[in-house]
Protein backbone atom coordinates (compact mmCIF):
# COMPACT_ATOMS: atom_id res chain seq x y z
CA UNK A 1 -6.26 6.34 -17.94
CA UNK A 2 -5.54 7.51 -21.49
CA UNK A 3 -5.14 11.11 -20.33
CA UNK A 4 -2.73 10.10 -17.59
CA UNK A 5 -0.66 8.00 -19.97
CA UNK A 6 -0.52 10.88 -22.48
CA UNK A 7 0.63 13.39 -19.86
CA UNK A 8 3.27 10.93 -18.66
CA UNK A 9 4.59 10.45 -22.20
CA UNK A 10 4.73 14.20 -22.80
CA UNK A 11 6.67 14.74 -19.57
CA UNK A 12 9.34 12.34 -20.81
CA UNK A 13 10.07 14.35 -23.98
CA UNK A 14 10.10 17.80 -22.38
CA UNK A 15 12.63 19.32 -19.98
CA UNK A 16 12.64 21.60 -16.95
CA UNK A 17 9.56 22.87 -15.17
CA UNK A 18 7.04 21.90 -17.90
CA UNK A 19 8.20 18.30 -17.68
CA UNK A 20 7.92 18.35 -13.89
CA UNK A 21 4.40 19.78 -13.96
CA UNK A 22 3.25 17.28 -16.57
CA UNK A 23 4.74 14.37 -14.61
CA UNK A 24 3.00 15.50 -11.43
CA UNK A 25 -0.30 15.91 -13.31
CA UNK A 26 0.05 12.50 -14.91
CA UNK A 27 0.70 10.83 -11.57
CA UNK A 28 -2.29 12.60 -9.99
CA UNK A 29 -4.61 11.45 -12.80
CA UNK A 30 -3.34 7.87 -12.62
CA UNK A 31 -3.78 7.81 -8.84
CA UNK A 32 -7.39 8.93 -9.31
CA UNK A 33 -7.97 6.16 -11.86
CA UNK A 34 -6.49 3.57 -9.49
CA UNK A 35 -8.65 4.72 -6.57
CA UNK A 36 -11.83 4.67 -8.66
CA UNK A 37 -11.01 1.03 -9.48
CA UNK A 38 -9.76 0.14 -5.98
CA UNK A 39 -12.21 -2.79 -5.85
CA UNK A 40 -9.86 -4.60 -8.23
CA UNK A 41 -7.07 -6.56 -6.60
CA UNK A 42 -3.73 -4.76 -6.88
CA UNK A 43 -5.12 -1.31 -7.60
CA UNK A 44 -4.50 0.00 -4.08
CA UNK A 45 -0.86 -1.11 -4.28
CA UNK A 46 -0.55 0.64 -7.65
CA UNK A 47 -2.04 3.82 -6.16
CA UNK A 48 0.43 3.76 -3.26
CA UNK A 49 3.36 3.33 -5.64
CA UNK A 50 2.19 6.24 -7.77
CA UNK A 51 1.72 8.34 -4.63
CA UNK A 52 5.34 7.75 -3.61
CA UNK A 53 6.48 8.91 -7.04
CA UNK A 54 4.24 11.98 -6.82
CA UNK A 55 5.70 12.90 -3.42
CA UNK A 56 9.21 12.58 -4.87
CA UNK A 57 8.35 14.83 -7.82
CA UNK A 58 6.60 17.43 -5.68
CA UNK A 59 9.21 17.64 -2.90
CA UNK A 60 12.31 17.43 -5.13
CA UNK A 61 10.94 19.51 -8.03
CA UNK A 62 11.50 16.56 -10.34
CA UNK A 63 12.79 13.00 -10.22
CA UNK A 64 16.21 12.72 -8.55
CA UNK A 65 18.46 10.02 -10.01
CA UNK A 66 21.20 8.55 -7.84
CA UNK A 67 24.68 8.71 -9.37
CA UNK A 68 25.65 5.29 -8.02
CA UNK A 69 22.67 3.76 -9.80
CA UNK A 70 23.73 5.37 -13.09
CA UNK A 71 27.19 3.91 -12.69
CA UNK A 72 25.76 0.51 -11.78
CA UNK A 73 23.79 0.25 -15.04
CA UNK A 74 26.64 1.62 -17.12
CA UNK A 75 24.99 4.96 -17.91
CA UNK A 76 27.75 7.06 -16.34
CA UNK A 77 31.38 6.93 -15.28
CA UNK A 78 32.14 7.23 -11.55
CA UNK A 79 32.54 10.90 -10.67
CA UNK A 80 31.52 12.04 -14.15
CA UNK A 81 27.71 12.00 -14.18
CA UNK A 82 25.93 15.06 -15.63
CA UNK A 83 22.34 16.31 -15.65
CA UNK A 84 22.63 16.74 -19.41
CA UNK A 85 22.49 12.96 -19.79
CA UNK A 86 19.06 12.81 -18.14
CA UNK A 87 15.78 13.58 -19.88
CA UNK A 88 12.32 14.68 -18.82
CA UNK A 89 11.83 15.75 -15.20
CA UNK A 90 14.86 13.69 -14.08
CA UNK A 91 17.91 15.33 -12.54
CA UNK A 92 21.02 14.13 -10.78
CA UNK A 93 20.44 13.67 -7.06
CA UNK A 94 22.08 16.30 -4.84
CA UNK A 95 22.14 17.13 -1.15
CA UNK A 96 19.30 19.59 -1.79
CA UNK A 97 16.88 16.75 -2.52
CA UNK A 98 14.86 16.13 0.64
CA UNK A 99 13.72 12.59 -0.10
CA UNK A 100 16.10 11.45 -2.79
CA UNK A 101 15.55 7.86 -1.71
CA UNK A 102 12.09 8.04 -3.32
CA UNK A 103 13.63 8.95 -6.66
CA UNK A 104 15.26 6.60 -9.14
CA UNK A 105 17.74 4.95 -6.81
CA UNK A 106 17.41 1.22 -7.54
CA UNK A 107 19.51 -0.11 -10.45
CA UNK A 108 18.33 -3.12 -12.45
CA UNK A 109 21.57 -4.40 -14.04
CA UNK A 110 20.01 -7.08 -16.24
CA UNK A 111 17.82 -4.57 -18.06
CA UNK A 112 20.06 -1.51 -17.54
CA UNK A 113 17.25 0.51 -16.00
CA UNK A 114 16.92 2.58 -12.84
CA UNK A 115 13.62 2.48 -10.96
CA UNK A 116 12.17 3.90 -7.77
CA UNK A 117 10.47 2.18 -4.85
CA UNK A 118 7.20 3.52 -6.23
CA UNK A 119 7.91 1.93 -9.60
CA UNK A 120 8.44 -1.45 -7.91
CA UNK A 121 5.14 -1.15 -6.07
CA UNK A 122 3.36 -0.29 -9.32
CA UNK A 123 4.94 -3.32 -11.00
CA UNK A 124 3.90 -5.69 -8.19
CA UNK A 125 0.38 -4.26 -8.10
CA UNK A 126 0.03 -4.57 -11.88
CA UNK A 127 1.18 -8.20 -11.76
CA UNK A 128 -1.37 -8.96 -9.04
CA UNK A 129 -4.07 -7.19 -11.08
CA UNK A 130 -3.30 -9.22 -14.21
CA UNK A 131 -3.35 -12.46 -12.18
CA UNK A 132 -6.73 -11.62 -10.63
CA UNK A 133 -8.28 -10.62 -13.96
CA UNK A 134 -7.04 -13.88 -15.51
CA UNK A 135 -8.63 -15.87 -12.69
CA UNK A 136 -11.92 -14.00 -13.14
CA UNK A 137 -11.91 -14.84 -16.84
CA UNK A 138 -11.36 -18.53 -16.09
CA UNK A 139 -14.18 -18.48 -13.53
CA UNK A 140 -16.54 -16.85 -16.04
CA UNK A 141 -15.69 -19.48 -18.65
CA UNK A 142 -16.27 -22.31 -16.16
CA UNK A 143 -19.59 -20.76 -15.10
CA UNK A 144 -20.66 -20.47 -18.74
CA UNK A 145 -19.74 -24.12 -19.31
CA UNK A 146 -21.74 -25.17 -16.25
CA UNK A 147 -24.80 -23.24 -17.43
CA UNK A 148 -24.47 -24.79 -20.87
CA UNK A 149 -24.29 -28.27 -19.38
CA UNK A 150 -27.34 -27.64 -17.18
CA UNK A 151 -29.29 -26.33 -20.15
CA UNK A 152 -28.28 -29.35 -22.23
CA UNK A 153 -29.26 -31.74 -19.44
CA UNK A 154 -32.66 -30.07 -19.05
CA UNK A 155 -33.28 -30.28 -22.79
CA UNK A 156 -32.33 -33.96 -22.78
CA UNK A 157 -34.75 -34.65 -19.93
CA UNK A 158 -37.59 -32.90 -21.76
CA UNK A 159 -36.90 -34.84 -24.92
CA UNK A 160 -36.90 -38.11 -22.98
CA UNK A 161 -40.32 -37.30 -21.56
CA UNK A 162 -41.60 -36.40 -25.00
CA UNK A 163 -40.37 -39.70 -26.48
CA UNK A 164 -41.37 -42.13 -23.74
CA UNK A 165 -44.30 -40.36 -22.15
CA UNK A 166 -45.06 -39.92 -18.47
CA UNK A 167 -43.86 -42.62 -16.09
CA UNK A 168 -46.57 -44.90 -14.59
CA UNK A 169 -47.53 -44.59 -10.97
CA UNK A 170 -44.94 -46.04 -8.62
CA UNK A 171 -47.53 -48.07 -6.67
CA UNK A 172 -50.59 -49.71 -8.27
CA UNK A 173 -53.92 -48.51 -6.96
CA UNK A 174 -55.75 -51.71 -7.86
CA UNK A 175 -54.55 -55.19 -8.74
CA UNK A 176 -55.61 -54.81 -12.36
CA UNK A 177 -53.62 -51.64 -12.96
CA UNK A 178 -51.21 -52.25 -15.83
CA UNK A 179 -50.95 -49.11 -17.95
CA UNK A 180 -50.14 -45.42 -17.76
CA UNK A 181 -53.89 -44.71 -17.59
CA UNK A 182 -55.25 -47.50 -15.38
CA UNK A 183 -58.47 -45.71 -14.54
CA UNK A 184 -59.43 -45.57 -18.19
CA UNK A 185 -58.08 -48.91 -19.43
CA UNK A 186 -58.53 -51.41 -16.59
CA UNK A 187 -61.12 -54.18 -17.37
CA UNK A 188 -64.52 -54.18 -15.68
CA UNK A 189 -64.77 -56.30 -12.48
CA UNK A 190 -67.73 -57.82 -10.63
CA UNK A 191 -68.18 -57.39 -6.90
CA UNK A 192 -69.34 -60.95 -5.92
CA UNK A 193 -70.26 -60.03 -2.34
CA UNK A 194 -72.57 -57.28 -3.55
CA UNK A 195 -74.11 -59.58 -6.17
CA UNK A 196 -74.87 -62.25 -3.53
CA UNK A 197 -76.53 -59.66 -1.31
CA UNK A 198 -78.68 -58.54 -4.20
CA UNK A 199 -79.79 -62.15 -4.91
CA UNK A 200 -80.65 -62.64 -1.22
CA UNK A 201 -83.07 -59.78 -1.42
């Protein structure tokens, strides 16, 4: 990810073929990173958006920028746009561009930026990724709280047993049972029937 971001930044400050090659390399690296992490929600959408941008760069030998979009954001005057105003691998769209629609053709007036369809897909995928990661963090915190509560409850139960001792048997075995240890503490009894039989002998 760091390597891809570095290549992308370098492509923005260079011009001509070096900028185009660096932009293509950066997009390829970022696509690989997204596919390795495709188990994360939103990563596949990000990879598809980056792939569209890579196709545009490879087919058009750079990033074509639509003149109407430049005019829309106030970056050029109608009929007076020039390649010299563009930096990095960007160039003014011409009839020679095979898939110029995949280049920077969508103006965003409120932020005065021009983006591509691939850029929009990357933005939507990134937003979905951030939302999913936030939800996972909340679930982890709730799970940790639940484990803490269970541990606290178990400790409380153990302490209660240590303070009050074991509970007596639910049902008395003999009528004289009255303690937690009835077999050891019950008073001695006399079996009258057996005593009478002994006297009869």
